[in-house]
Amino acid sequence: MNIRRLLLDVDKAIAGPSLIELAAAIDAVNGVEALNIVVTEIDIETMDLDVTIEGEGMNYDDIVSAIESAGAVVHSLDEIVVGSKILERIMPRR
């Protein structure tokens, strides 16, 4: 399966890892070509992050392992794009 894009809901402690450390850990995974980390919520002890990762032939388990090794946790997989090209989401008309 050729994973091209993942959108992950990731939680990390305020104390660490830094966003730079987390990005470096994800970027080191084979197949990752680009990533974007957005802080969506902050409370006293944790940060909630949306992590979008694009590439070709990415391995989901390797990405989760890299995130966990850096000291963060994947809360959920919110989007996956698979195939020979990236298919953008089309919102239905109402």
C-alpha atoms as a PDB file:
ATOM      1  CA  MET A   1       0.000   0.000   0.000  1.00  0.00           C
ATOM      2  CA  ASN A   2       1.407   3.382  -1.021  1.00  0.00           C
ATOM      3  CA  ILE A   3       0.579   5.802   1.819  1.00  0.00           C
ATOM      4  CA  ARG A   4       0.859   9.363   0.500  1.00  0.00           C
ATOM      5  CA  ARG A   5      -0.675  11.487   3.299  1.00  0.00           C
ATOM      6  CA  LEU A   6      -1.505  11.035   6.962  1.00  0.00           C
ATOM      7  CA  LEU A   7      -3.295  13.423   9.308  1.00  0.00           C
ATOM      8  CA  LEU A   8      -2.629  12.447  12.900  1.00  0.00           C
ATOM      9  CA  ASP A   9      -3.987  13.846  16.150  1.00  0.00           C
ATOM     10  CA  VAL A  10      -0.923  13.815  18.411  1.00  0.00           C
ATOM     11  CA  ASP A  11      -0.597  14.711  22.098  1.00  0.00           C
ATOM     12  CA  LYS A  12       2.639  15.786  23.744  1.00  0.00           C
ATOM     13  CA  ALA A  13       3.654  17.101  27.121  1.00  0.00           C
ATOM     14  CA  ILE A  14       4.360  20.833  27.397  1.00  0.00           C
ATOM     15  CA  ALA A  15       7.764  19.927  28.882  1.00  0.00           C
ATOM     16  CA  GLY A  16       8.907  18.048  25.798  1.00  0.00           C
ATOM     17  CA  PRO A  17       9.668  17.061  23.170  1.00  0.00           C
ATOM     18  CA  SER A  18       9.889  20.414  21.414  1.00  0.00           C
ATOM     19  CA  LEU A  19       8.068  20.784  18.105  1.00  0.00           C
ATOM     20  CA  ILE A  20      11.486  20.880  16.408  1.00  0.00           C
ATOM     21  CA  GLU A  21      12.491  17.550  18.006  1.00  0.00           C
ATOM     22  CA  LEU A  22       9.185  15.958  17.054  1.00  0.00           C
ATOM     23  CA  ALA A  23       9.446  17.226  13.473  1.00  0.00           C
ATOM     24  CA  ALA A  24      13.019  15.910  13.186  1.00  0.00           C
ATOM     25  CA  ALA A  25      11.946  12.458  14.425  1.00  0.00           C
ATOM     26  CA  ILE A  26       9.115  12.243  11.882  1.00  0.00           C
ATOM     27  CA  ASP A  27      11.256  13.664   9.059  1.00  0.00           C
ATOM     28  CA  ALA A  28      13.843  10.905   9.623  1.00  0.00           C
ATOM     29  CA  VAL A  29      11.323   8.163   8.683  1.00  0.00           C
ATOM     30  CA  ASN A  30      11.785   6.650   5.214  1.00  0.00           C
ATOM     31  CA  GLY A  31       9.300   7.964   2.664  1.00  0.00           C
ATOM     32  CA  VAL A  32       8.478  11.201   4.498  1.00  0.00           C
ATOM     33  CA  GLU A  33       8.883  14.160   2.124  1.00  0.00           C
ATOM     34  CA  ALA A  34       7.106  16.941   4.040  1.00  0.00           C
ATOM     35  CA  LEU A  35       5.243  17.521   7.273  1.00  0.00           C
ATOM     36  CA  ASN A  36       3.262  20.209   9.016  1.00  0.00           C
ATOM     37  CA  ILE A  37       2.620  20.447  12.757  1.00  0.00           C
ATOM     38  CA  VAL A  38      -0.150  22.732  14.035  1.00  0.00           C
ATOM     39  CA  VAL A  39      -0.868  23.306  17.723  1.00  0.00           C
ATOM     40  CA  THR A  40      -4.648  23.041  18.095  1.00  0.00           C
ATOM     41  CA  GLU A  41      -5.009  23.213  21.879  1.00  0.00           C
ATOM     42  CA  ILE A  42      -2.862  23.851  24.937  1.00  0.00           C
ATOM     43  CA  ASP A  43      -3.701  23.098  28.547  1.00  0.00           C
ATOM     44  CA  ILE A  44      -1.579  23.104  31.694  1.00  0.00           C
ATOM     45  CA  GLU A  45       0.316  19.888  30.931  1.00  0.00           C
ATOM     46  CA  THR A  46      -0.273  18.926  27.292  1.00  0.00           C
ATOM     47  CA  MET A  47      -0.420  20.210  23.731  1.00  0.00           C
ATOM     48  CA  ASP A  48      -2.798  18.784  21.126  1.00  0.00           C
ATOM     49  CA  LEU A  49      -1.279  18.758  17.637  1.00  0.00           C
ATOM     50  CA  ASP A  50      -2.518  18.121  14.108  1.00  0.00           C
ATOM     51  CA  VAL A  51       0.366  16.505  12.230  1.00  0.00           C
ATOM     52  CA  THR A  52       0.047  16.270   8.440  1.00  0.00           C
ATOM     53  CA  ILE A  53       2.675  14.112   6.749  1.00  0.00           C
ATOM     54  CA  GLU A  54       3.133  13.636   3.010  1.00  0.00           C
ATOM     55  CA  GLY A  55       5.448  11.374   1.085  1.00  0.00           C
ATOM     56  CA  GLU A  56       5.530   8.189  -0.894  1.00  0.00           C
ATOM     57  CA  GLY A  57       5.539   4.634   0.393  1.00  0.00           C
ATOM     58  CA  MET A  58       5.369   5.763   4.018  1.00  0.00           C
ATOM     59  CA  ASN A  59       4.993   3.132   6.739  1.00  0.00           C
ATOM     60  CA  TYR A  60       2.367   4.055   9.338  1.00  0.00           C
ATOM     61  CA  ASP A  61       3.911   1.919  12.085  1.00  0.00           C
ATOM     62  CA  ASP A  62       7.357   3.479  11.533  1.00  0.00           C
ATOM     63  CA  ILE A  63       5.864   6.959  11.833  1.00  0.00           C
ATOM     64  CA  VAL A  64       3.997   6.075  15.032  1.00  0.00           C
ATOM     65  CA  SER A  65       7.199   4.550  16.462  1.00  0.00           C
ATOM     66  CA  ALA A  66       9.156   7.718  15.642  1.00  0.00           C
ATOM     67  CA  ILE A  67       6.524   9.897  17.329  1.00  0.00           C
ATOM     68  CA  GLU A  68       6.465   7.682  20.421  1.00  0.00           C
ATOM     69  CA  SER A  69      10.278   7.504  20.555  1.00  0.00           C
ATOM     70  CA  ALA A  70      10.347  11.312  20.576  1.00  0.00           C
ATOM     71  CA  GLY A  71       8.034  11.319  23.608  1.00  0.00           C
ATOM     72  CA  ALA A  72       4.618  12.064  22.089  1.00  0.00           C
ATOM     73  CA  VAL A  73       1.521   9.895  21.549  1.00  0.00           C
ATOM     74  CA  VAL A  74      -0.717   9.365  18.515  1.00  0.00           C
ATOM     75  CA  HIS A  75      -4.284   9.893  19.684  1.00  0.00           C
ATOM     76  CA  SER A  76      -5.984   9.107  16.356  1.00  0.00           C
ATOM     77  CA  LEU A  77      -5.556   8.722  12.601  1.00  0.00           C
ATOM     78  CA  ASP A  78      -7.883  11.352  11.114  1.00  0.00           C
ATOM     79  CA  GLU A  79      -7.033  11.104   7.397  1.00  0.00           C
ATOM     80  CA  ILE A  80      -5.154   8.720   5.126  1.00  0.00           C
ATOM     81  CA  VAL A  81      -4.528   9.122   1.395  1.00  0.00           C
ATOM     82  CA  VAL A  82      -3.313   6.055  -0.489  1.00  0.00           C
ATOM     83  CA  GLY A  83      -2.508   5.446  -4.148  1.00  0.00           C
ATOM     84  CA  SER A  84      -0.429   6.686  -7.047  1.00  0.00           C
ATOM     85  CA  LYS A  85      -1.475  10.324  -6.533  1.00  0.00           C
ATOM     86  CA  ILE A  86      -2.806  12.543  -3.770  1.00  0.00           C
ATOM     87  CA  LEU A  87      -6.574  12.870  -3.884  1.00  0.00           C
ATOM     88  CA  GLU A  88      -7.899  16.026  -2.216  1.00  0.00           C
ATOM     89  CA  ARG A  89     -11.052  15.818  -0.152  1.00  0.00           C
ATOM     90  CA  ILE A  90     -14.133  17.187  -1.873  1.00  0.00           C
ATOM     91  CA  MET A  91     -16.834  18.542   0.409  1.00  0.00           C
ATOM     92  CA  PRO A  92     -20.377  17.516  -0.618  1.00  0.00           C
ATOM     93  CA  ARG A  93     -22.829  20.261  -1.569  1.00  0.00           C
ATOM     94  CA  ARG A  94     -25.662  20.875   0.794  1.00  0.00           C
END
